[in-house]
PDB file of all heavy atoms in Angstrom:
ATOM      1  N   SER A   1     177.811  61.445  48.083  1.00  0.00           N
ATOM      2  CA  SER A   1     178.400  62.620  48.743  1.00  0.00           C
ATOM      3  C   SER A   1     178.576  62.282  50.224  1.00  0.00           C
ATOM      4  O   SER A   1     177.779  62.679  51.071  1.00  0.00           O
ATOM      5  CB  SER A   1     177.493  63.844  48.576  1.00  0.00           C
ATOM      6  OG  SER A   1     177.304  64.134  47.222  1.00  0.00           O
ATOM      7  N   TYR A   2     179.634  61.547  50.531  1.00  0.00           N
ATOM      8  CA  TYR A   2     179.773  60.949  51.849  1.00  0.00           C
ATOM      9  C   TYR A   2     180.069  61.951  52.962  1.00  0.00           C
ATOM     10  O   TYR A   2     179.617  61.748  54.089  1.00  0.00           O
ATOM     11  CB  TYR A   2     180.821  59.841  51.814  1.00  0.00           C
ATOM     12  CG  TYR A   2     180.429  58.748  50.847  1.00  0.00           C
ATOM     13  CD1 TYR A   2     181.217  58.442  49.749  1.00  0.00           C
ATOM     14  CD2 TYR A   2     179.244  58.034  51.016  1.00  0.00           C
ATOM     15  CE1 TYR A   2     180.848  57.445  48.859  1.00  0.00           C
ATOM     16  CE2 TYR A   2     178.855  57.042  50.126  1.00  0.00           C
ATOM     17  CZ  TYR A   2     179.672  56.759  49.056  1.00  0.00           C
ATOM     18  OH  TYR A   2     179.289  55.781  48.176  1.00  0.00           O
ATOM     19  N   GLU A   3     180.797  63.011  52.659  1.00  0.00           N
ATOM     20  CA  GLU A   3     181.029  64.027  53.693  1.00  0.00           C
ATOM     21  C   GLU A   3     179.720  64.697  54.097  1.00  0.00           C
ATOM     22  O   GLU A   3     179.457  64.912  55.282  1.00  0.00           O
ATOM     23  CB  GLU A   3     182.036  65.076  53.217  1.00  0.00           C
ATOM     24  CG  GLU A   3     183.463  64.595  53.263  1.00  0.00           C
ATOM     25  CD  GLU A   3     184.445  65.703  52.919  1.00  0.00           C
ATOM     26  OE1 GLU A   3     184.177  66.883  53.250  1.00  0.00           O
ATOM     27  OE2 GLU A   3     185.490  65.377  52.325  1.00  0.00           O
ATOM     28  N   GLU A   4     178.916  65.038  53.121  1.00  0.00           N
ATOM     29  CA  GLU A   4     177.603  65.649  53.390  1.00  0.00           C
ATOM     30  C   GLU A   4     176.689  64.655  54.115  1.00  0.00           C
ATOM     31  O   GLU A   4     175.967  65.024  55.045  1.00  0.00           O
ATOM     32  CB  GLU A   4     176.951  66.108  52.091  1.00  0.00           C
ATOM     33  CG  GLU A   4     175.728  66.961  52.289  1.00  0.00           C
ATOM     34  CD  GLU A   4     176.032  68.330  52.880  1.00  0.00           C
ATOM     35  OE1 GLU A   4     177.122  68.869  52.641  1.00  0.00           O
ATOM     36  OE2 GLU A   4     175.167  68.861  53.600  1.00  0.00           O
ATOM     37  N   ALA A   5     176.748  63.397  53.709  1.00  0.00           N
ATOM     38  CA  ALA A   5     175.953  62.358  54.375  1.00  0.00           C
ATOM     39  C   ALA A   5     176.380  62.223  55.837  1.00  0.00           C
ATOM     40  O   ALA A   5     175.531  62.086  56.726  1.00  0.00           O
ATOM     41  CB  ALA A   5     176.104  61.025  53.648  1.00  0.00           C
ATOM     42  N   PHE A   6     177.688  62.288  56.086  1.00  0.00           N
ATOM     43  CA  PHE A   6     178.172  62.200  57.468  1.00  0.00           C
ATOM     44  C   PHE A   6     177.640  63.358  58.311  1.00  0.00           C
ATOM     45  O   PHE A   6     177.149  63.151  59.418  1.00  0.00           O
ATOM     46  CB  PHE A   6     179.708  62.187  57.525  1.00  0.00           C
ATOM     47  CG  PHE A   6     180.229  62.330  58.918  1.00  0.00           C
ATOM     48  CD1 PHE A   6     180.191  61.259  59.803  1.00  0.00           C
ATOM     49  CD2 PHE A   6     180.720  63.550  59.364  1.00  0.00           C
ATOM     50  CE1 PHE A   6     180.646  61.399  61.105  1.00  0.00           C
ATOM     51  CE2 PHE A   6     181.166  63.695  60.658  1.00  0.00           C
ATOM     52  CZ  PHE A   6     181.135  62.616  61.535  1.00  0.00           C
ATOM     53  N   ARG A   7     177.721  64.567  57.788  1.00  0.00           N
ATOM     54  CA  ARG A   7     177.223  65.737  58.546  1.00  0.00           C
ATOM     55  C   ARG A   7     175.732  65.599  58.839  1.00  0.00           C
ATOM     56  O   ARG A   7     175.280  65.899  59.950  1.00  0.00           O
ATOM     57  CB  ARG A   7     177.509  67.030  57.780  1.00  0.00           C
ATOM     58  CG  ARG A   7     178.950  67.480  57.888  1.00  0.00           C
ATOM     59  CD  ARG A   7     179.151  68.900  57.359  1.00  0.00           C
ATOM     60  NE  ARG A   7     178.915  69.000  55.929  1.00  0.00           N
ATOM     61  CZ  ARG A   7     179.824  68.747  55.000  1.00  0.00           C
ATOM     62  NH1 ARG A   7     181.033  68.367  55.333  1.00  0.00           N
ATOM     63  NH2 ARG A   7     179.527  68.887  53.720  1.00  0.00           N
ATOM     64  N   ALA A   8     174.986  65.147  57.858  1.00  0.00           N
ATOM     65  CA  ALA A   8     173.542  64.980  58.049  1.00  0.00           C
ATOM     66  C   ALA A   8     173.242  63.879  59.063  1.00  0.00           C
ATOM     67  O   ALA A   8     172.380  64.037  59.935  1.00  0.00           O
ATOM     68  CB  ALA A   8     172.866  64.672  56.709  1.00  0.00           C
ATOM     69  N   ALA A   9     173.961  62.763  58.967  1.00  0.00           N
ATOM     70  CA  ALA A   9     173.757  61.653  59.913  1.00  0.00           C
ATOM     71  C   ALA A   9     174.119  62.104  61.329  1.00  0.00           C
ATOM     72  O   ALA A   9     173.408  61.785  62.290  1.00  0.00           O
ATOM     73  CB  ALA A   9     174.602  60.451  59.504  1.00  0.00           C
ATOM     74  N   HIS A  10     175.191  62.831  61.453  1.00  0.00           N
ATOM     75  CA  HIS A  10     175.636  63.311  62.764  1.00  0.00           C
ATOM     76  C   HIS A  10     174.605  64.267  63.366  1.00  0.00           C
ATOM     77  O   HIS A  10     174.301  64.204  64.566  1.00  0.00           O
ATOM     78  CB  HIS A  10     177.001  63.998  62.624  1.00  0.00           C
ATOM     79  CG  HIS A  10     177.672  64.252  63.909  1.00  0.00           C
ATOM     80  ND1 HIS A  10     177.508  65.420  64.614  1.00  0.00           N
ATOM     81  CD2 HIS A  10     178.507  63.475  64.636  1.00  0.00           C
ATOM     82  CE1 HIS A  10     178.216  65.363  65.722  1.00  0.00           C
ATOM     83  NE2 HIS A  10     178.840  64.195  65.765  1.00  0.00           N
ATOM     84  N   THR A  11     174.038  65.121  62.544  1.00  0.00           N
ATOM     85  CA  THR A  11     173.001  66.047  63.019  1.00  0.00           C
ATOM     86  C   THR A  11     171.752  65.281  63.435  1.00  0.00           C
ATOM     87  O   THR A  11     171.181  65.544  64.502  1.00  0.00           O
ATOM     88  CB  THR A  11     172.655  67.077  61.927  1.00  0.00           C
ATOM     89  OG1 THR A  11     173.835  67.818  61.608  1.00  0.00           O
ATOM     90  CG2 THR A  11     171.565  68.030  62.382  1.00  0.00           C
ATOM     91  N   LEU A  12     171.324  64.325  62.620  1.00  0.00           N
ATOM     92  CA  LEU A  12     170.154  63.513  62.954  1.00  0.00           C
ATOM     93  C   LEU A  12     170.381  62.759  64.257  1.00  0.00           C
ATOM     94  O   LEU A  12     169.491  62.683  65.109  1.00  0.00           O
ATOM     95  CB  LEU A  12     169.841  62.539  61.812  1.00  0.00           C
ATOM     96  CG  LEU A  12     168.624  61.640  62.006  1.00  0.00           C
ATOM     97  CD1 LEU A  12     167.337  62.477  62.120  1.00  0.00           C
ATOM     98  CD2 LEU A  12     168.519  60.652  60.845  1.00  0.00           C
ATOM     99  N   LYS A  13     171.568  62.233  64.422  1.00  0.00           N
ATOM    100  CA  LYS A  13     171.922  61.521  65.653  1.00  0.00           C
ATOM    101  C   LYS A  13     171.815  62.458  66.856  1.00  0.00           C
ATOM    102  O   LYS A  13     171.235  62.104  67.883  1.00  0.00           O
ATOM    103  CB  LYS A  13     173.336  60.957  65.551  1.00  0.00           C
ATOM    104  CG  LYS A  13     173.819  60.271  66.814  1.00  0.00           C
ATOM    105  CD  LYS A  13     175.263  59.842  66.692  1.00  0.00           C
ATOM    106  CE  LYS A  13     176.146  60.991  67.073  1.00  0.00           C
ATOM    107  NZ  LYS A  13     177.518  60.610  67.410  1.00  0.00           N
ATOM    108  N   GLY A  14     172.345  63.671  66.723  1.00  0.00           N
ATOM    109  CA  GLY A  14     172.305  64.628  67.821  1.00  0.00           C
ATOM    110  C   GLY A  14     170.903  65.066  68.185  1.00  0.00           C
ATOM    111  O   GLY A  14     170.546  65.130  69.370  1.00  0.00           O
ATOM    112  N   VAL A  15     170.104  65.343  67.188  1.00  0.00           N
ATOM    113  CA  VAL A  15     168.711  65.736  67.438  1.00  0.00           C
ATOM    114  C   VAL A  15     167.953  64.589  68.102  1.00  0.00           C
ATOM    115  O   VAL A  15     167.220  64.794  69.078  1.00  0.00           O
ATOM    116  CB  VAL A  15     168.015  66.167  66.123  1.00  0.00           C
ATOM    117  CG1 VAL A  15     166.521  66.337  66.308  1.00  0.00           C
ATOM    118  CG2 VAL A  15     168.636  67.457  65.586  1.00  0.00           C
ATOM    119  N   SER A  16     168.170  63.385  67.599  1.00  0.00           N
ATOM    120  CA  SER A  16     167.499  62.211  68.171  1.00  0.00           C
ATOM    121  C   SER A  16     167.923  61.973  69.617  1.00  0.00           C
ATOM    122  O   SER A  16     167.101  61.630  70.469  1.00  0.00           O
ATOM    123  CB  SER A  16     167.815  60.964  67.340  1.00  0.00           C
ATOM    124  OG  SER A  16     167.346  61.116  66.033  1.00  0.00           O
ATOM    125  N   GLN A  17     169.189  62.184  69.887  1.00  0.00           N
ATOM    126  CA  GLN A  17     169.681  62.008  71.251  1.00  0.00           C
ATOM    127  C   GLN A  17     169.087  63.078  72.168  1.00  0.00           C
ATOM    128  O   GLN A  17     168.623  62.770  73.265  1.00  0.00           O
ATOM    129  CB  GLN A  17     171.199  62.066  71.282  1.00  0.00           C
ATOM    130  CG  GLN A  17     171.772  61.805  72.666  1.00  0.00           C
ATOM    131  CD  GLN A  17     173.279  61.772  72.655  1.00  0.00           C
ATOM    132  OE1 GLN A  17     173.923  62.490  71.885  1.00  0.00           O
ATOM    133  NE2 GLN A  17     173.852  60.945  73.497  1.00  0.00           N
ATOM    134  N   ASN A  18     169.095  64.316  71.722  1.00  0.00           N
ATOM    135  CA  ASN A  18     168.567  65.407  72.546  1.00  0.00           C
ATOM    136  C   ASN A  18     167.084  65.248  72.848  1.00  0.00           C
ATOM    137  O   ASN A  18     166.616  65.639  73.916  1.00  0.00           O
ATOM    138  CB  ASN A  18     168.821  66.759  71.882  1.00  0.00           C
ATOM    139  CG  ASN A  18     170.265  67.170  71.962  1.00  0.00           C
ATOM    140  OD1 ASN A  18     170.999  66.744  72.843  1.00  0.00           O
ATOM    141  ND2 ASN A  18     170.691  68.000  71.021  1.00  0.00           N
ATOM    142  N   LEU A  19     166.336  64.670  71.907  1.00  0.00           N
ATOM    143  CA  LEU A  19     164.900  64.469  72.113  1.00  0.00           C
ATOM    144  C   LEU A  19     164.585  63.080  72.679  1.00  0.00           C
ATOM    145  O   LEU A  19     163.420  62.738  72.848  1.00  0.00           O
ATOM    146  CB  LEU A  19     164.150  64.680  70.794  1.00  0.00           C
ATOM    147  CG  LEU A  19     164.156  66.127  70.298  1.00  0.00           C
ATOM    148  CD1 LEU A  19     163.522  66.230  68.914  1.00  0.00           C
ATOM    149  CD2 LEU A  19     163.447  67.033  71.285  1.00  0.00           C
ATOM    150  N   SER A  20     165.617  62.312  72.978  1.00  0.00           N
ATOM    151  CA  SER A  20     165.475  60.959  73.540  1.00  0.00           C
ATOM    152  C   SER A  20     164.641  60.045  72.641  1.00  0.00           C
ATOM    153  O   SER A  20     163.857  59.236  73.119  1.00  0.00           O
ATOM    154  CB  SER A  20     164.898  61.012  74.958  1.00  0.00           C
ATOM    155  OG  SER A  20     165.766  61.732  75.807  1.00  0.00           O
ATOM    156  N   PHE A  21     164.847  60.164  71.333  1.00  0.00           N
ATOM    157  CA  PHE A  21     164.260  59.256  70.369  1.00  0.00           C
ATOM    158  C   PHE A  21     165.225  58.064  70.267  1.00  0.00           C
ATOM    159  O   PHE A  21     166.004  57.944  69.321  1.00  0.00           O
ATOM    160  CB  PHE A  21     164.086  59.907  69.001  1.00  0.00           C
ATOM    161  CG  PHE A  21     163.110  61.047  68.940  1.00  0.00           C
ATOM    162  CD1 PHE A  21     163.119  61.906  67.851  1.00  0.00           C
ATOM    163  CD2 PHE A  21     162.183  61.278  69.942  1.00  0.00           C
ATOM    164  CE1 PHE A  21     162.217  62.953  67.749  1.00  0.00           C
ATOM    165  CE2 PHE A  21     161.278  62.331  69.862  1.00  0.00           C
ATOM    166  CZ  PHE A  21     161.295  63.173  68.760  1.00  0.00           C
ATOM    167  N   THR A  22     165.210  57.212  71.253  1.00  0.00           N
ATOM    168  CA  THR A  22     166.218  56.176  71.444  1.00  0.00           C
ATOM    169  C   THR A  22     166.404  55.290  70.223  1.00  0.00           C
ATOM    170  O   THR A  22     167.539  55.052  69.786  1.00  0.00           O
ATOM    171  CB  THR A  22     165.861  55.317  72.672  1.00  0.00           C
ATOM    172  OG1 THR A  22     165.617  56.199  73.777  1.00  0.00           O
ATOM    173  CG2 THR A  22     166.968  54.352  73.024  1.00  0.00           C
ATOM    174  N   LYS A  23     165.325  54.804  69.669  1.00  0.00           N
ATOM    175  CA  LYS A  23     165.408  53.890  68.515  1.00  0.00           C
ATOM    176  C   LYS A  23     166.075  54.587  67.326  1.00  0.00           C
ATOM    177  O   LYS A  23     166.990  54.040  66.712  1.00  0.00           O
ATOM    178  CB  LYS A  23     164.015  53.391  68.163  1.00  0.00           C
ATOM    179  CG  LYS A  23     163.974  52.264  67.182  1.00  0.00           C
ATOM    180  CD  LYS A  23     162.530  51.785  67.033  1.00  0.00           C
ATOM    181  CE  LYS A  23     162.445  50.562  66.192  1.00  0.00           C
ATOM    182  NZ  LYS A  23     162.608  49.328  66.954  1.00  0.00           N
ATOM    183  N   LEU A  24     165.641  55.785  67.000  1.00  0.00           N
ATOM    184  CA  LEU A  24     166.227  56.533  65.888  1.00  0.00           C
ATOM    185  C   LEU A  24     167.659  56.951  66.214  1.00  0.00           C
ATOM    186  O   LEU A  24     168.525  56.933  65.340  1.00  0.00           O
ATOM    187  CB  LEU A  24     165.376  57.758  65.545  1.00  0.00           C
ATOM    188  CG  LEU A  24     165.853  58.613  64.382  1.00  0.00           C
ATOM    189  CD1 LEU A  24     165.984  57.793  63.093  1.00  0.00           C
ATOM    190  CD2 LEU A  24     164.913  59.787  64.174  1.00  0.00           C
ATOM    191  N   TYR A  25     167.913  57.282  67.453  1.00  0.00           N
ATOM    192  CA  TYR A  25     169.285  57.622  67.849  1.00  0.00           C
ATOM    193  C   TYR A  25     170.224  56.448  67.574  1.00  0.00           C
ATOM    194  O   TYR A  25     171.310  56.631  67.025  1.00  0.00           O
ATOM    195  CB  TYR A  25     169.364  58.021  69.333  1.00  0.00           C
ATOM    196  CG  TYR A  25     170.791  58.025  69.825  1.00  0.00           C
ATOM    197  CD1 TYR A  25     171.659  59.046  69.447  1.00  0.00           C
ATOM    198  CD2 TYR A  25     171.283  56.978  70.594  1.00  0.00           C
ATOM    199  CE1 TYR A  25     172.986  59.025  69.848  1.00  0.00           C
ATOM    200  CE2 TYR A  25     172.601  56.953  70.995  1.00  0.00           C
ATOM    201  CZ  TYR A  25     173.452  57.972  70.626  1.00  0.00           C
ATOM    202  OH  TYR A  25     174.769  57.945  71.011  1.00  0.00           O
ATOM    203  N   GLN A  26     169.814  55.254  67.952  1.00  0.00           N
ATOM    204  CA  GLN A  26     170.686  54.090  67.783  1.00  0.00           C
ATOM    205  C   GLN A  26     171.013  53.835  66.314  1.00  0.00           C
ATOM    206  O   GLN A  26     172.169  53.617  65.963  1.00  0.00           O
ATOM    207  CB  GLN A  26     170.054  52.857  68.435  1.00  0.00           C
ATOM    208  CG  GLN A  26     170.044  52.955  69.944  1.00  0.00           C
ATOM    209  CD  GLN A  26     169.196  51.887  70.621  1.00  0.00           C
ATOM    210  OE1 GLN A  26     168.348  51.250  70.001  1.00  0.00           O
ATOM    211  NE2 GLN A  26     169.414  51.705  71.910  1.00  0.00           N
ATOM    212  N   SER A  27     170.008  53.873  65.462  1.00  0.00           N
ATOM    213  CA  SER A  27     170.278  53.601  64.045  1.00  0.00           C
ATOM    214  C   SER A  27     171.060  54.754  63.397  1.00  0.00           C
ATOM    215  O   SER A  27     171.936  54.507  62.560  1.00  0.00           O
ATOM    216  CB  SER A  27     168.989  53.317  63.276  1.00  0.00           C
ATOM    217  OG  SER A  27     168.084  54.398  63.329  1.00  0.00           O
ATOM    218  N   SER A  28     170.784  55.986  63.792  1.00  0.00           N
ATOM    219  CA  SER A  28     171.535  57.110  63.219  1.00  0.00           C
ATOM    220  C   SER A  28     172.973  57.123  63.750  1.00  0.00           C
ATOM    221  O   SER A  28     173.897  57.538  63.043  1.00  0.00           O
ATOM    222  CB  SER A  28     170.822  58.436  63.462  1.00  0.00           C
ATOM    223  OG  SER A  28     170.652  58.695  64.824  1.00  0.00           O
ATOM    224  N   HIS A  29     173.171  56.646  64.968  1.00  0.00           N
ATOM    225  CA  HIS A  29     174.533  56.521  65.509  1.00  0.00           C
ATOM    226  C   HIS A  29     175.323  55.492  64.685  1.00  0.00           C
ATOM    227  O   HIS A  29     176.480  55.739  64.323  1.00  0.00           O
ATOM    228  CB  HIS A  29     174.479  56.108  66.983  1.00  0.00           C
ATOM    229  CG  HIS A  29     175.816  55.761  67.553  1.00  0.00           C
ATOM    230  ND1 HIS A  29     176.763  56.706  67.847  1.00  0.00           N
ATOM    231  CD2 HIS A  29     176.367  54.560  67.850  1.00  0.00           C
ATOM    232  CE1 HIS A  29     177.842  56.108  68.312  1.00  0.00           C
ATOM    233  NE2 HIS A  29     177.619  54.801  68.329  1.00  0.00           N
ATOM    234  N   GLU A  30     174.704  54.362  64.383  1.00  0.00           N
ATOM    235  CA  GLU A  30     175.385  53.316  63.613  1.00  0.00           C
ATOM    236  C   GLU A  30     175.804  53.814  62.237  1.00  0.00           C
ATOM    237  O   GLU A  30     176.934  53.578  61.802  1.00  0.00           O
ATOM    238  CB  GLU A  30     174.488  52.088  63.472  1.00  0.00           C
ATOM    239  CG  GLU A  30     174.282  51.331  64.760  1.00  0.00           C
ATOM    240  CD  GLU A  30     173.236  50.230  64.630  1.00  0.00           C
ATOM    241  OE1 GLU A  30     172.782  49.935  63.502  1.00  0.00           O
ATOM    242  OE2 GLU A  30     172.883  49.655  65.677  1.00  0.00           O
ATOM    243  N   ILE A  31     174.906  54.529  61.550  1.00  0.00           N
ATOM    244  CA  ILE A  31     175.255  55.013  60.208  1.00  0.00           C
ATOM    245  C   ILE A  31     176.287  56.136  60.289  1.00  0.00           C
ATOM    246  O   ILE A  31     177.169  56.240  59.432  1.00  0.00           O
ATOM    247  CB  ILE A  31     173.997  55.408  59.396  1.00  0.00           C
ATOM    248  CG1 ILE A  31     174.312  55.416  57.894  1.00  0.00           C
ATOM    249  CG2 ILE A  31     173.414  56.725  59.857  1.00  0.00           C
ATOM    250  CD1 ILE A  31     173.086  55.502  57.009  1.00  0.00           C
ATOM    251  N   THR A  32     176.215  56.946  61.335  1.00  0.00           N
ATOM    252  CA  THR A  32     177.220  57.996  61.535  1.00  0.00           C
ATOM    253  C   THR A  32     178.601  57.382  61.683  1.00  0.00           C
ATOM    254  O   THR A  32     179.572  57.841  61.066  1.00  0.00           O
ATOM    255  CB  THR A  32     176.884  58.846  62.776  1.00  0.00           C
ATOM    256  OG1 THR A  32     175.625  59.485  62.580  1.00  0.00           O
ATOM    257  CG2 THR A  32     177.944  59.900  63.042  1.00  0.00           C
ATOM    258  N   GLU A  33     178.700  56.330  62.485  1.00  0.00           N
ATOM    259  CA  GLU A  33     180.000  55.684  62.702  1.00  0.00           C
ATOM    260  C   GLU A  33     180.500  54.997  61.440  1.00  0.00           C
ATOM    261  O   GLU A  33     181.706  55.019  61.164  1.00  0.00           O
ATOM    262  CB  GLU A  33     179.930  54.718  63.881  1.00  0.00           C
ATOM    263  CG  GLU A  33     179.731  55.428  65.211  1.00  0.00           C
ATOM    264  CD  GLU A  33     180.722  56.572  65.441  1.00  0.00           C
ATOM    265  OE1 GLU A  33     181.950  56.333  65.354  1.00  0.00           O
ATOM    266  OE2 GLU A  33     180.271  57.700  65.696  1.00  0.00           O
ATOM    267  N   ALA A  34     179.603  54.415  60.665  1.00  0.00           N
ATOM    268  CA  ALA A  34     180.017  53.806  59.400  1.00  0.00           C
ATOM    269  C   ALA A  34     180.587  54.875  58.466  1.00  0.00           C
ATOM    270  O   ALA A  34     181.626  54.660  57.825  1.00  0.00           O
ATOM    271  CB  ALA A  34     178.844  53.086  58.742  1.00  0.00           C
ATOM    272  N   LEU A  35     179.938  56.021  58.411  1.00  0.00           N
ATOM    273  CA  LEU A  35     180.432  57.113  57.562  1.00  0.00           C
ATOM    274  C   LEU A  35     181.718  57.721  58.114  1.00  0.00           C
ATOM    275  O   LEU A  35     182.622  58.059  57.348  1.00  0.00           O
ATOM    276  CB  LEU A  35     179.344  58.185  57.402  1.00  0.00           C
ATOM    277  CG  LEU A  35     178.149  57.748  56.552  1.00  0.00           C
ATOM    278  CD1 LEU A  35     176.956  58.661  56.787  1.00  0.00           C
ATOM    279  CD2 LEU A  35     178.542  57.714  55.072  1.00  0.00           C
ATOM    280  N   ARG A  36     181.804  57.836  59.423  1.00  0.00           N
ATOM    281  CA  ARG A  36     183.010  58.394  60.062  1.00  0.00           C
ATOM    282  C   ARG A  36     184.251  57.561  59.705  1.00  0.00           C
ATOM    283  O   ARG A  36     185.323  58.095  59.489  1.00  0.00           O
ATOM    284  CB  ARG A  36     182.842  58.441  61.571  1.00  0.00           C
ATOM    285  CG  ARG A  36     184.024  59.058  62.317  1.00  0.00           C
ATOM    286  CD  ARG A  36     183.935  58.936  63.837  1.00  0.00           C
ATOM    287  NE  ARG A  36     182.672  59.253  64.414  1.00  0.00           N
ATOM    288  CZ  ARG A  36     182.234  60.478  64.735  1.00  0.00           C
ATOM    289  NH1 ARG A  36     183.010  61.524  64.494  1.00  0.00           N
ATOM    290  NH2 ARG A  36     181.060  60.653  65.288  1.00  0.00           N
ATOM    291  N   THR A  37     184.059  56.236  59.648  1.00  0.00           N
ATOM    292  CA  THR A  37     185.180  55.328  59.365  1.00  0.00           C
ATOM    293  C   THR A  37     185.301  54.988  57.878  1.00  0.00           C
ATOM    294  O   THR A  37     186.040  54.069  57.520  1.00  0.00           O
ATOM    295  CB  THR A  37     185.042  54.033  60.194  1.00  0.00           C
ATOM    296  OG1 THR A  37     183.808  53.387  59.846  1.00  0.00           O
ATOM    297  CG2 THR A  37     185.080  54.326  61.689  1.00  0.00           C
ATOM    298  N   ALA A  38     184.569  55.707  57.042  1.00  0.00           N
ATOM    299  CA  ALA A  38     184.606  55.532  55.584  1.00  0.00           C
ATOM    300  C   ALA A  38     184.170  54.131  55.152  1.00  0.00           C
ATOM    301  O   ALA A  38     184.597  53.625  54.116  1.00  0.00           O
ATOM    302  CB  ALA A  38     185.979  55.882  55.010  1.00  0.00           C
ATOM    303  N   ASN A  39     183.300  53.513  55.927  1.00  0.00           N
ATOM    304  CA  ASN A  39     182.734  52.221  55.559  1.00  0.00           C
ATOM    305  C   ASN A  39     181.424  52.497  54.820  1.00  0.00           C
ATOM    306  O   ASN A  39     180.331  52.309  55.358  1.00  0.00           O
ATOM    307  CB  ASN A  39     182.517  51.360  56.808  1.00  0.00           C
ATOM    308  CG  ASN A  39     182.217  49.924  56.471  1.00  0.00           C
ATOM    309  OD1 ASN A  39     181.841  49.599  55.333  1.00  0.00           O
ATOM    310  ND2 ASN A  39     182.375  49.051  57.448  1.00  0.00           N
ATOM    311  N   TYR A  40     181.559  52.961  53.595  1.00  0.00           N
ATOM    312  CA  TYR A  40     180.417  53.447  52.835  1.00  0.00           C
ATOM    313  C   TYR A  40     179.450  52.336  52.442  1.00  0.00           C
ATOM    314  O   TYR A  40     178.242  52.561  52.391  1.00  0.00           O
ATOM    315  CB  TYR A  40     180.892  54.233  51.613  1.00  0.00           C
ATOM    316  CG  TYR A  40     181.809  55.367  51.981  1.00  0.00           C
ATOM    317  CD1 TYR A  40     183.021  55.547  51.341  1.00  0.00           C
ATOM    318  CD2 TYR A  40     181.468  56.260  53.000  1.00  0.00           C
ATOM    319  CE1 TYR A  40     183.877  56.589  51.699  1.00  0.00           C
ATOM    320  CE2 TYR A  40     182.308  57.299  53.364  1.00  0.00           C
ATOM    321  CZ  TYR A  40     183.512  57.453  52.706  1.00  0.00           C
ATOM    322  OH  TYR A  40     184.344  58.485  53.077  1.00  0.00           O
ATOM    323  N   ASP A  41     179.975  51.147  52.171  1.00  0.00           N
ATOM    324  CA  ASP A  41     179.078  50.025  51.860  1.00  0.00           C
ATOM    325  C   ASP A  41     178.172  49.712  53.046  1.00  0.00           C
ATOM    326  O   ASP A  41     176.974  49.479  52.877  1.00  0.00           O
ATOM    327  CB  ASP A  41     179.873  48.778  51.466  1.00  0.00           C
ATOM    328  CG  ASP A  41     180.558  48.917  50.116  1.00  0.00           C
ATOM    329  OD1 ASP A  41     180.100  49.751  49.301  1.00  0.00           O
ATOM    330  OD2 ASP A  41     181.552  48.200  49.876  1.00  0.00           O
ATOM    331  N   LEU A  42     178.741  49.720  54.238  1.00  0.00           N
ATOM    332  CA  LEU A  42     177.945  49.478  55.439  1.00  0.00           C
ATOM    333  C   LEU A  42     176.920  50.591  55.624  1.00  0.00           C
ATOM    334  O   LEU A  42     175.762  50.328  55.958  1.00  0.00           O
ATOM    335  CB  LEU A  42     178.836  49.357  56.679  1.00  0.00           C
ATOM    336  CG  LEU A  42     178.093  49.172  58.006  1.00  0.00           C
ATOM    337  CD1 LEU A  42     177.230  47.910  57.983  1.00  0.00           C
ATOM    338  CD2 LEU A  42     179.095  49.148  59.161  1.00  0.00           C
TER     339      LEU A  42
END
């Protein structure tokens, strides 16, 4: 369910950024961008 996964990844990225959880922000940003560009294997 890639659309739902994208929304969840984007939310996790935002929460991590707002709380300055840098390490988690970086990895959640990467997966968000992979989902945004429909690179589901990545």
